Amino acid sequence: MTAFKKEELLIAAMARLLRGTRHIAVGVSSPIPASAALLTRRLSGGSTRVSILGDPSNTFWSDGGKELFDCAAQGRVDAFFFSGAQIDGSANINLVGIGDYPQSKVRFGGSYGSAFLYYMIPRIILFRPDHNARVLVPKVDFISAAGTSPPEVWRRGGPHALVTGKGVFSFDRAVGRFTLESVHPGSTMEEIKDATGFSFDVAPDLKETEPPDAETLDLIRGAVGGEIAATYPKFARETLGVAT
């Protein structure tokens, strides 16, 4: 088996979740999701559209975030990525602060439309490169964007999966719970349970996350790395080995 880095495993795992997607949008400060989107486009033969905020060569927008919101409202964005300082078992995310709001003891940058996009974009992939009980909590301190809604509330969008540094979870919106689908090489189900603050189900066919094969690694370190270097030169250089 060809040696790979954890980031390359996550890129390949996220790309598998994006198969068949027409239009993937990516926000700022997201080199791993952006690489996964570009890998998906390569594997689709170019049929998948990718829009990366802050990268003029990979977006058709002329007005940044405003146009992203317009496209999402019109049903023209099919997949997006969210992270969060906290994520709970109902797929709620916290981008505001830790502690009782408004006297939060730690404050973050804010939500910037995440609640709106969570309702509008059908396939939201939650993502954390780390995996610990400080991040994956029983209940978030502040709901920046709600993972589920009452039946009478209309929404086309919501959580599809959670990818962490230890495994891949699917999310069932009907019951509002995560299911562990695969465990990354080097991790165990017991380790994941110990590092997760919320309860989750386990797939009956739980498997090890499929590592990227040699062809996929060549794409990640070659064509994808070259593309991502324009926006994330340090990530491309230090993680993917691209000369920048």
C-alpha atoms as a PDB file:
ATOM      1  CA  MET A   1       0.000   0.000   0.000  1.00  0.00           C
ATOM      2  CA  THR A   2       1.274   3.461  -0.908  1.00  0.00           C
ATOM      3  CA  ALA A   3       2.006   5.622   2.135  1.00  0.00           C
ATOM      4  CA  PHE A   4      -0.384   8.530   2.629  1.00  0.00           C
ATOM      5  CA  LYS A   5      -0.903  11.412   5.037  1.00  0.00           C
ATOM      6  CA  LYS A   6      -3.991  11.848   7.200  1.00  0.00           C
ATOM      7  CA  GLU A   7      -5.001  14.902   5.178  1.00  0.00           C
ATOM      8  CA  GLU A   8      -4.865  12.872   1.961  1.00  0.00           C
ATOM      9  CA  LEU A   9      -7.060  10.193   3.529  1.00  0.00           C
ATOM     10  CA  LEU A  10      -9.603  12.879   4.509  1.00  0.00           C
ATOM     11  CA  ILE A  11      -9.547  14.425   1.036  1.00  0.00           C
ATOM     12  CA  ALA A  12     -10.260  11.042  -0.571  1.00  0.00           C
ATOM     13  CA  ALA A  13     -12.977  10.183   1.982  1.00  0.00           C
ATOM     14  CA  MET A  14     -14.752  13.492   1.417  1.00  0.00           C
ATOM     15  CA  ALA A  15     -14.518  13.110  -2.348  1.00  0.00           C
ATOM     16  CA  ARG A  16     -16.343   9.766  -2.086  1.00  0.00           C
ATOM     17  CA  LEU A  17     -19.174  11.551  -0.251  1.00  0.00           C
ATOM     18  CA  LEU A  18     -19.370  14.088  -3.100  1.00  0.00           C
ATOM     19  CA  ARG A  19     -19.775  11.644  -5.984  1.00  0.00           C
ATOM     20  CA  GLY A  20     -22.471  12.686  -8.414  1.00  0.00           C
ATOM     21  CA  THR A  21     -22.668  16.254  -7.105  1.00  0.00           C
ATOM     22  CA  ARG A  22     -23.332  18.940  -9.715  1.00  0.00           C
ATOM     23  CA  HIS A  23     -22.043  22.032  -7.923  1.00  0.00           C
ATOM     24  CA  ILE A  24     -19.790  22.081  -4.843  1.00  0.00           C
ATOM     25  CA  ALA A  25     -19.110  25.377  -3.073  1.00  0.00           C
ATOM     26  CA  VAL A  26     -16.313  25.856  -0.557  1.00  0.00           C
ATOM     27  CA  GLY A  27     -15.836  28.667   1.957  1.00  0.00           C
ATOM     28  CA  VAL A  28     -12.637  30.308   3.157  1.00  0.00           C
ATOM     29  CA  SER A  29      -9.912  28.664   5.277  1.00  0.00           C
ATOM     30  CA  SER A  30     -10.874  25.211   3.959  1.00  0.00           C
ATOM     31  CA  PRO A  31      -7.901  23.629   2.161  1.00  0.00           C
ATOM     32  CA  ILE A  32      -8.945  20.010   2.789  1.00  0.00           C
ATOM     33  CA  PRO A  33     -12.587  20.465   1.653  1.00  0.00           C
ATOM     34  CA  ALA A  34     -11.394  22.541  -1.314  1.00  0.00           C
ATOM     35  CA  SER A  35      -8.959  19.779  -2.301  1.00  0.00           C
ATOM     36  CA  ALA A  36     -11.770  17.204  -1.985  1.00  0.00           C
ATOM     37  CA  ALA A  37     -13.996  19.308  -4.252  1.00  0.00           C
ATOM     38  CA  LEU A  38     -11.263  19.663  -6.864  1.00  0.00           C
ATOM     39  CA  LEU A  39     -10.529  15.919  -6.673  1.00  0.00           C
ATOM     40  CA  THR A  40     -14.240  15.234  -7.227  1.00  0.00           C
ATOM     41  CA  ARG A  41     -14.173  17.426 -10.327  1.00  0.00           C
ATOM     42  CA  ARG A  42     -11.158  15.525 -11.658  1.00  0.00           C
ATOM     43  CA  LEU A  43     -12.761  12.149 -10.999  1.00  0.00           C
ATOM     44  CA  SER A  44     -16.015  13.280 -12.664  1.00  0.00           C
ATOM     45  CA  GLY A  45     -14.206  14.208 -15.850  1.00  0.00           C
ATOM     46  CA  GLY A  46     -15.015  17.864 -15.313  1.00  0.00           C
ATOM     47  CA  SER A  47     -18.792  17.492 -15.004  1.00  0.00           C
ATOM     48  CA  THR A  48     -18.805  18.750 -11.405  1.00  0.00           C
ATOM     49  CA  ARG A  49     -18.642  22.515 -10.936  1.00  0.00           C
ATOM     50  CA  VAL A  50     -16.485  23.802  -8.072  1.00  0.00           C
ATOM     51  CA  SER A  51     -16.688  27.280  -6.558  1.00  0.00           C
ATOM     52  CA  ILE A  52     -14.099  28.290  -3.957  1.00  0.00           C
ATOM     53  CA  LEU A  53     -14.478  31.616  -2.180  1.00  0.00           C
ATOM     54  CA  GLY A  54     -11.327  33.668  -2.590  1.00  0.00           C
ATOM     55  CA  ASP A  55     -10.110  31.765  -5.671  1.00  0.00           C
ATOM     56  CA  PRO A  56     -10.934  33.676  -8.884  1.00  0.00           C
ATOM     57  CA  SER A  57      -9.854  30.742 -11.050  1.00  0.00           C
ATOM     58  CA  ASN A  58     -12.397  28.446  -9.392  1.00  0.00           C
ATOM     59  CA  THR A  59     -15.544  30.512  -9.118  1.00  0.00           C
ATOM     60  CA  PHE A  60     -18.010  32.114 -11.480  1.00  0.00           C
ATOM     61  CA  TRP A  61     -19.104  34.615  -8.814  1.00  0.00           C
ATOM     62  CA  SER A  62     -18.319  38.292  -9.027  1.00  0.00           C
ATOM     63  CA  ASP A  63     -19.759  39.306  -5.646  1.00  0.00           C
ATOM     64  CA  GLY A  64     -18.326  36.797  -3.180  1.00  0.00           C
ATOM     65  CA  GLY A  65     -20.499  35.566  -0.338  1.00  0.00           C
ATOM     66  CA  LYS A  66     -23.597  37.485  -1.447  1.00  0.00           C
ATOM     67  CA  GLU A  67     -23.743  35.553  -4.670  1.00  0.00           C
ATOM     68  CA  LEU A  68     -23.154  32.276  -2.829  1.00  0.00           C
ATOM     69  CA  PHE A  69     -26.285  32.975  -0.769  1.00  0.00           C
ATOM     70  CA  ASP A  70     -28.269  33.853  -3.905  1.00  0.00           C
ATOM     71  CA  CYS A  71     -27.199  30.640  -5.646  1.00  0.00           C
ATOM     72  CA  ALA A  72     -28.031  28.565  -2.572  1.00  0.00           C
ATOM     73  CA  ALA A  73     -31.494  30.141  -2.304  1.00  0.00           C
ATOM     74  CA  GLN A  74     -32.144  29.311  -5.961  1.00  0.00           C
ATOM     75  CA  GLY A  75     -31.160  25.677  -5.458  1.00  0.00           C
ATOM     76  CA  ARG A  76     -27.981  26.037  -7.526  1.00  0.00           C
ATOM     77  CA  VAL A  77     -25.507  24.773  -4.893  1.00  0.00           C
ATOM     78  CA  ASP A  78     -25.630  21.070  -4.094  1.00  0.00           C
ATOM     79  CA  ALA A  79     -22.875  20.603  -1.514  1.00  0.00           C
ATOM     80  CA  PHE A  80     -21.047  22.714   1.058  1.00  0.00           C
ATOM     81  CA  PHE A  81     -18.851  22.210   4.124  1.00  0.00           C
ATOM     82  CA  PHE A  82     -19.221  23.362   7.722  1.00  0.00           C
ATOM     83  CA  SER A  83     -16.947  23.066  10.678  1.00  0.00           C
ATOM     84  CA  GLY A  84     -17.544  24.414  14.169  1.00  0.00           C
ATOM     85  CA  ALA A  85     -15.954  25.049  17.534  1.00  0.00           C
ATOM     86  CA  GLN A  86     -18.581  22.574  18.778  1.00  0.00           C
ATOM     87  CA  ILE A  87     -20.714  19.981  16.987  1.00  0.00           C
ATOM     88  CA  ASP A  88     -23.301  17.943  18.857  1.00  0.00           C
ATOM     89  CA  GLY A  89     -25.126  14.688  18.239  1.00  0.00           C
ATOM     90  CA  SER A  90     -28.044  16.471  16.569  1.00  0.00           C
ATOM     91  CA  ALA A  91     -25.633  18.033  14.056  1.00  0.00           C
ATOM     92  CA  ASN A  92     -26.040  21.505  15.566  1.00  0.00           C
ATOM     93  CA  ILE A  93     -22.905  23.615  15.153  1.00  0.00           C
ATOM     94  CA  ASN A  94     -21.508  26.426  17.292  1.00  0.00           C
ATOM     95  CA  LEU A  95     -19.452  29.169  15.656  1.00  0.00           C
ATOM     96  CA  VAL A  96     -20.158  31.880  18.244  1.00  0.00           C
ATOM     97  CA  GLY A  97     -18.593  31.077  21.613  1.00  0.00           C
ATOM     98  CA  ILE A  98     -18.027  28.769  24.567  1.00  0.00           C
ATOM     99  CA  GLY A  99     -20.032  29.304  27.749  1.00  0.00           C
ATOM    100  CA  ASP A 100     -23.403  30.873  28.483  1.00  0.00           C
ATOM    101  CA  TYR A 101     -24.233  33.447  25.808  1.00  0.00           C
ATOM    102  CA  PRO A 102     -23.895  36.454  25.857  1.00  0.00           C
ATOM    103  CA  GLN A 103     -21.316  36.148  28.658  1.00  0.00           C
ATOM    104  CA  SER A 104     -19.328  33.622  26.634  1.00  0.00           C
ATOM    105  CA  LYS A 105     -15.884  33.045  28.091  1.00  0.00           C
ATOM    106  CA  VAL A 106     -14.473  32.434  24.600  1.00  0.00           C
ATOM    107  CA  ARG A 107     -15.778  34.097  21.431  1.00  0.00           C
ATOM    108  CA  PHE A 108     -15.261  33.039  17.820  1.00  0.00           C
ATOM    109  CA  GLY A 109     -15.609  34.760  14.489  1.00  0.00           C
ATOM    110  CA  GLY A 110     -19.339  34.204  14.124  1.00  0.00           C
ATOM    111  CA  SER A 111     -21.796  32.390  11.919  1.00  0.00           C
ATOM    112  CA  TYR A 112     -21.765  34.408   8.667  1.00  0.00           C
ATOM    113  CA  GLY A 113     -24.921  32.971   7.174  1.00  0.00           C
ATOM    114  CA  SER A 114     -24.318  29.374   8.208  1.00  0.00           C
ATOM    115  CA  ALA A 115     -27.893  28.969   9.477  1.00  0.00           C
ATOM    116  CA  PHE A 116     -29.260  30.056   6.091  1.00  0.00           C
ATOM    117  CA  LEU A 117     -26.945  27.817   4.075  1.00  0.00           C
ATOM    118  CA  TYR A 118     -27.678  24.851   6.367  1.00  0.00           C
ATOM    119  CA  TYR A 119     -31.342  25.111   5.359  1.00  0.00           C
ATOM    120  CA  MET A 120     -30.719  25.704   1.642  1.00  0.00           C
ATOM    121  CA  ILE A 121     -27.931  23.327   0.528  1.00  0.00           C
ATOM    122  CA  PRO A 122     -28.934  19.648   0.304  1.00  0.00           C
ATOM    123  CA  ARG A 123     -25.602  17.985   1.081  1.00  0.00           C
ATOM    124  CA  ILE A 124     -23.738  19.603   3.969  1.00  0.00           C
ATOM    125  CA  ILE A 125     -20.575  17.791   5.058  1.00  0.00           C
ATOM    126  CA  LEU A 126     -19.453  18.609   8.591  1.00  0.00           C
ATOM    127  CA  PHE A 127     -15.717  18.460   9.040  1.00  0.00           C
ATOM    128  CA  ARG A 128     -13.148  18.485  11.857  1.00  0.00           C
ATOM    129  CA  PRO A 129      -9.570  17.290  11.301  1.00  0.00           C
ATOM    130  CA  ASP A 130      -9.328  16.640  15.042  1.00  0.00           C
ATOM    131  CA  HIS A 131     -11.701  14.439  17.060  1.00  0.00           C
ATOM    132  CA  ASN A 132     -12.207  14.974  20.778  1.00  0.00           C
ATOM    133  CA  ALA A 133     -14.959  15.457  23.332  1.00  0.00           C
ATOM    134  CA  ARG A 134     -14.288  19.195  23.625  1.00  0.00           C
ATOM    135  CA  VAL A 135     -15.434  19.628  20.026  1.00  0.00           C
ATOM    136  CA  LEU A 136     -17.925  16.766  19.659  1.00  0.00           C
ATOM    137  CA  VAL A 137     -20.140  17.633  22.602  1.00  0.00           C
ATOM    138  CA  PRO A 138     -23.480  16.374  23.991  1.00  0.00           C
ATOM    139  CA  LYS A 139     -25.063  19.792  23.338  1.00  0.00           C
ATOM    140  CA  VAL A 140     -23.530  22.922  21.815  1.00  0.00           C
ATOM    141  CA  ASP A 141     -23.352  26.042  23.999  1.00  0.00           C
ATOM    142  CA  PHE A 142     -24.841  28.154  21.196  1.00  0.00           C
ATOM    143  CA  ILE A 143     -26.690  26.977  18.092  1.00  0.00           C
ATOM    144  CA  SER A 144     -25.250  28.876  15.158  1.00  0.00           C
ATOM    145  CA  ALA A 145     -26.975  26.532  12.715  1.00  0.00           C
ATOM    146  CA  ALA A 146     -29.498  23.834  13.595  1.00  0.00           C
ATOM    147  CA  GLY A 147     -28.974  20.354  12.203  1.00  0.00           C
ATOM    148  CA  THR A 148     -32.660  19.413  12.372  1.00  0.00           C
ATOM    149  CA  SER A 149     -35.989  21.248  12.276  1.00  0.00           C
ATOM    150  CA  PRO A 150     -39.591  20.542  13.309  1.00  0.00           C
ATOM    151  CA  PRO A 151     -41.664  18.788  10.611  1.00  0.00           C
ATOM    152  CA  GLU A 152     -43.625  21.959   9.813  1.00  0.00           C
ATOM    153  CA  VAL A 153     -40.436  23.906   8.986  1.00  0.00           C
ATOM    154  CA  TRP A 154     -39.470  23.807   5.317  1.00  0.00           C
ATOM    155  CA  ARG A 155     -35.834  23.168   4.484  1.00  0.00           C
ATOM    156  CA  ARG A 156     -34.156  21.505   1.538  1.00  0.00           C
ATOM    157  CA  GLY A 157     -30.734  21.409   3.159  1.00  0.00           C
ATOM    158  CA  GLY A 158     -29.035  19.822   6.105  1.00  0.00           C
ATOM    159  CA  PRO A 159     -26.287  17.545   7.358  1.00  0.00           C
ATOM    160  CA  HIS A 160     -25.273  14.639   5.185  1.00  0.00           C
ATOM    161  CA  ALA A 161     -22.124  13.384   6.909  1.00  0.00           C
ATOM    162  CA  LEU A 162     -19.430  14.182   9.453  1.00  0.00           C
ATOM    163  CA  VAL A 163     -15.783  13.558   8.612  1.00  0.00           C
ATOM    164  CA  THR A 164     -13.208  13.753  11.405  1.00  0.00           C
ATOM    165  CA  GLY A 165      -9.618  12.762  11.949  1.00  0.00           C
ATOM    166  CA  LYS A 166     -10.789   9.379  13.247  1.00  0.00           C
ATOM    167  CA  GLY A 167     -13.786   8.321  11.146  1.00  0.00           C
ATOM    168  CA  VAL A 168     -16.730   9.002   8.858  1.00  0.00           C
ATOM    169  CA  PHE A 169     -20.312   9.325  10.114  1.00  0.00           C
ATOM    170  CA  SER A 170     -23.545   9.523   8.158  1.00  0.00           C
ATOM    171  CA  PHE A 171     -26.498  11.517   9.514  1.00  0.00           C
ATOM    172  CA  ASP A 172     -30.127  10.402   9.479  1.00  0.00           C
ATOM    173  CA  ARG A 173     -32.269  13.546   9.430  1.00  0.00           C
ATOM    174  CA  ALA A 174     -35.443  11.579  10.165  1.00  0.00           C
ATOM    175  CA  VAL A 175     -34.189  10.444  13.580  1.00  0.00           C
ATOM    176  CA  GLY A 176     -31.576  13.165  14.120  1.00  0.00           C
ATOM    177  CA  ARG A 177     -28.628  10.872  14.844  1.00  0.00           C
ATOM    178  CA  PHE A 178     -25.182  10.107  13.515  1.00  0.00           C
ATOM    179  CA  THR A 179     -24.087   6.619  12.496  1.00  0.00           C
ATOM    180  CA  LEU A 180     -20.413   5.671  12.424  1.00  0.00           C
ATOM    181  CA  GLU A 181     -19.811   4.238   8.956  1.00  0.00           C
ATOM    182  CA  SER A 182     -16.041   3.770   8.866  1.00  0.00           C
ATOM    183  CA  VAL A 183     -13.001   4.021  11.114  1.00  0.00           C
ATOM    184  CA  HIS A 184      -9.784   5.503   9.759  1.00  0.00           C
ATOM    185  CA  PRO A 185      -6.674   3.317   9.666  1.00  0.00           C
ATOM    186  CA  GLY A 186      -4.879   3.610  12.993  1.00  0.00           C
ATOM    187  CA  SER A 187      -8.068   4.337  14.982  1.00  0.00           C
ATOM    188  CA  THR A 188     -10.582   2.011  16.642  1.00  0.00           C
ATOM    189  CA  MET A 189     -14.300   2.174  17.377  1.00  0.00           C
ATOM    190  CA  GLU A 190     -13.551   2.155  21.124  1.00  0.00           C
ATOM    191  CA  GLU A 191     -11.180   5.089  20.708  1.00  0.00           C
ATOM    192  CA  ILE A 192     -13.848   7.002  18.772  1.00  0.00           C
ATOM    193  CA  LYS A 193     -16.457   6.338  21.457  1.00  0.00           C
ATOM    194  CA  ASP A 194     -14.111   7.595  24.146  1.00  0.00           C
ATOM    195  CA  ALA A 195     -13.341  10.763  22.170  1.00  0.00           C
ATOM    196  CA  THR A 196     -16.980  11.603  21.294  1.00  0.00           C
ATOM    197  CA  GLY A 197     -19.196  13.513  23.708  1.00  0.00           C
ATOM    198  CA  PHE A 198     -22.476  12.400  22.131  1.00  0.00           C
ATOM    199  CA  SER A 199     -23.982   8.964  21.540  1.00  0.00           C
ATOM    200  CA  PHE A 200     -24.175   7.593  18.021  1.00  0.00           C
ATOM    201  CA  ASP A 201     -25.192   4.453  16.179  1.00  0.00           C
ATOM    202  CA  VAL A 202     -22.765   2.045  14.566  1.00  0.00           C
ATOM    203  CA  ALA A 203     -23.299   0.690  11.070  1.00  0.00           C
ATOM    204  CA  PRO A 204     -23.794  -3.105  11.026  1.00  0.00           C
ATOM    205  CA  ASP A 205     -21.180  -3.281   8.276  1.00  0.00           C
ATOM    206  CA  LEU A 206     -18.713  -0.938   9.984  1.00  0.00           C
ATOM    207  CA  LYS A 207     -15.500  -0.928   7.993  1.00  0.00           C
ATOM    208  CA  GLU A 208     -12.118   0.726   7.791  1.00  0.00           C
ATOM    209  CA  THR A 209     -12.059   3.935   5.767  1.00  0.00           C
ATOM    210  CA  GLU A 210     -10.766   3.119   2.303  1.00  0.00           C
ATOM    211  CA  PRO A 211      -7.283   4.603   1.830  1.00  0.00           C
ATOM    212  CA  PRO A 212      -6.572   6.565  -1.350  1.00  0.00           C
ATOM    213  CA  ASP A 213      -5.102   4.353  -4.037  1.00  0.00           C
ATOM    214  CA  ALA A 214      -1.984   5.235  -5.999  1.00  0.00           C
ATOM    215  CA  GLU A 215      -3.935   6.877  -8.837  1.00  0.00           C
ATOM    216  CA  THR A 216      -5.918   9.050  -6.408  1.00  0.00           C
ATOM    217  CA  LEU A 217      -2.760  10.051  -4.540  1.00  0.00           C
ATOM    218  CA  ASP A 218      -1.156  11.036  -7.842  1.00  0.00           C
ATOM    219  CA  LEU A 219      -4.121  13.311  -8.545  1.00  0.00           C
ATOM    220  CA  ILE A 220      -4.082  14.824  -5.050  1.00  0.00           C
ATOM    221  CA  ARG A 221      -0.338  15.494  -5.102  1.00  0.00           C
ATOM    222  CA  GLY A 222      -0.303  16.513  -8.741  1.00  0.00           C
ATOM    223  CA  ALA A 223      -3.191  18.212 -10.513  1.00  0.00           C
ATOM    224  CA  VAL A 224      -5.237  18.960  -7.379  1.00  0.00           C
ATOM    225  CA  GLY A 225      -2.209  20.197  -5.467  1.00  0.00           C
ATOM    226  CA  GLY A 226      -1.268  22.479  -8.335  1.00  0.00           C
ATOM    227  CA  GLU A 227      -4.758  23.977  -8.406  1.00  0.00           C
ATOM    228  CA  ILE A 228      -5.067  24.424  -4.645  1.00  0.00           C
ATOM    229  CA  ALA A 229      -1.645  26.088  -4.432  1.00  0.00           C
ATOM    230  CA  ALA A 230      -3.021  29.350  -5.815  1.00  0.00           C
ATOM    231  CA  THR A 231      -5.261  29.803  -2.758  1.00  0.00           C
ATOM    232  CA  TYR A 232      -3.481  27.686  -0.134  1.00  0.00           C
ATOM    233  CA  PRO A 233       0.225  27.703  -1.043  1.00  0.00           C
ATOM    234  CA  LYS A 234       1.432  26.636   2.431  1.00  0.00           C
ATOM    235  CA  PHE A 235      -0.952  23.668   2.534  1.00  0.00           C
ATOM    236  CA  ALA A 236      -0.011  22.633  -0.996  1.00  0.00           C
ATOM    237  CA  ARG A 237       3.694  22.904  -0.227  1.00  0.00           C
ATOM    238  CA  GLU A 238       3.894  21.414   3.261  1.00  0.00           C
ATOM    239  CA  THR A 239       1.091  18.818   3.086  1.00  0.00           C
ATOM    240  CA  LEU A 240       0.860  17.806  -0.573  1.00  0.00           C
ATOM    241  CA  GLY A 241       4.494  18.366  -1.484  1.00  0.00           C
ATOM    242  CA  VAL A 242       3.772  20.808  -4.306  1.00  0.00           C
ATOM    243  CA  ALA A 243       6.537  23.226  -5.266  1.00  0.00           C
ATOM    244  CA  THR A 244       5.202  26.774  -4.860  1.00  0.00           C
END
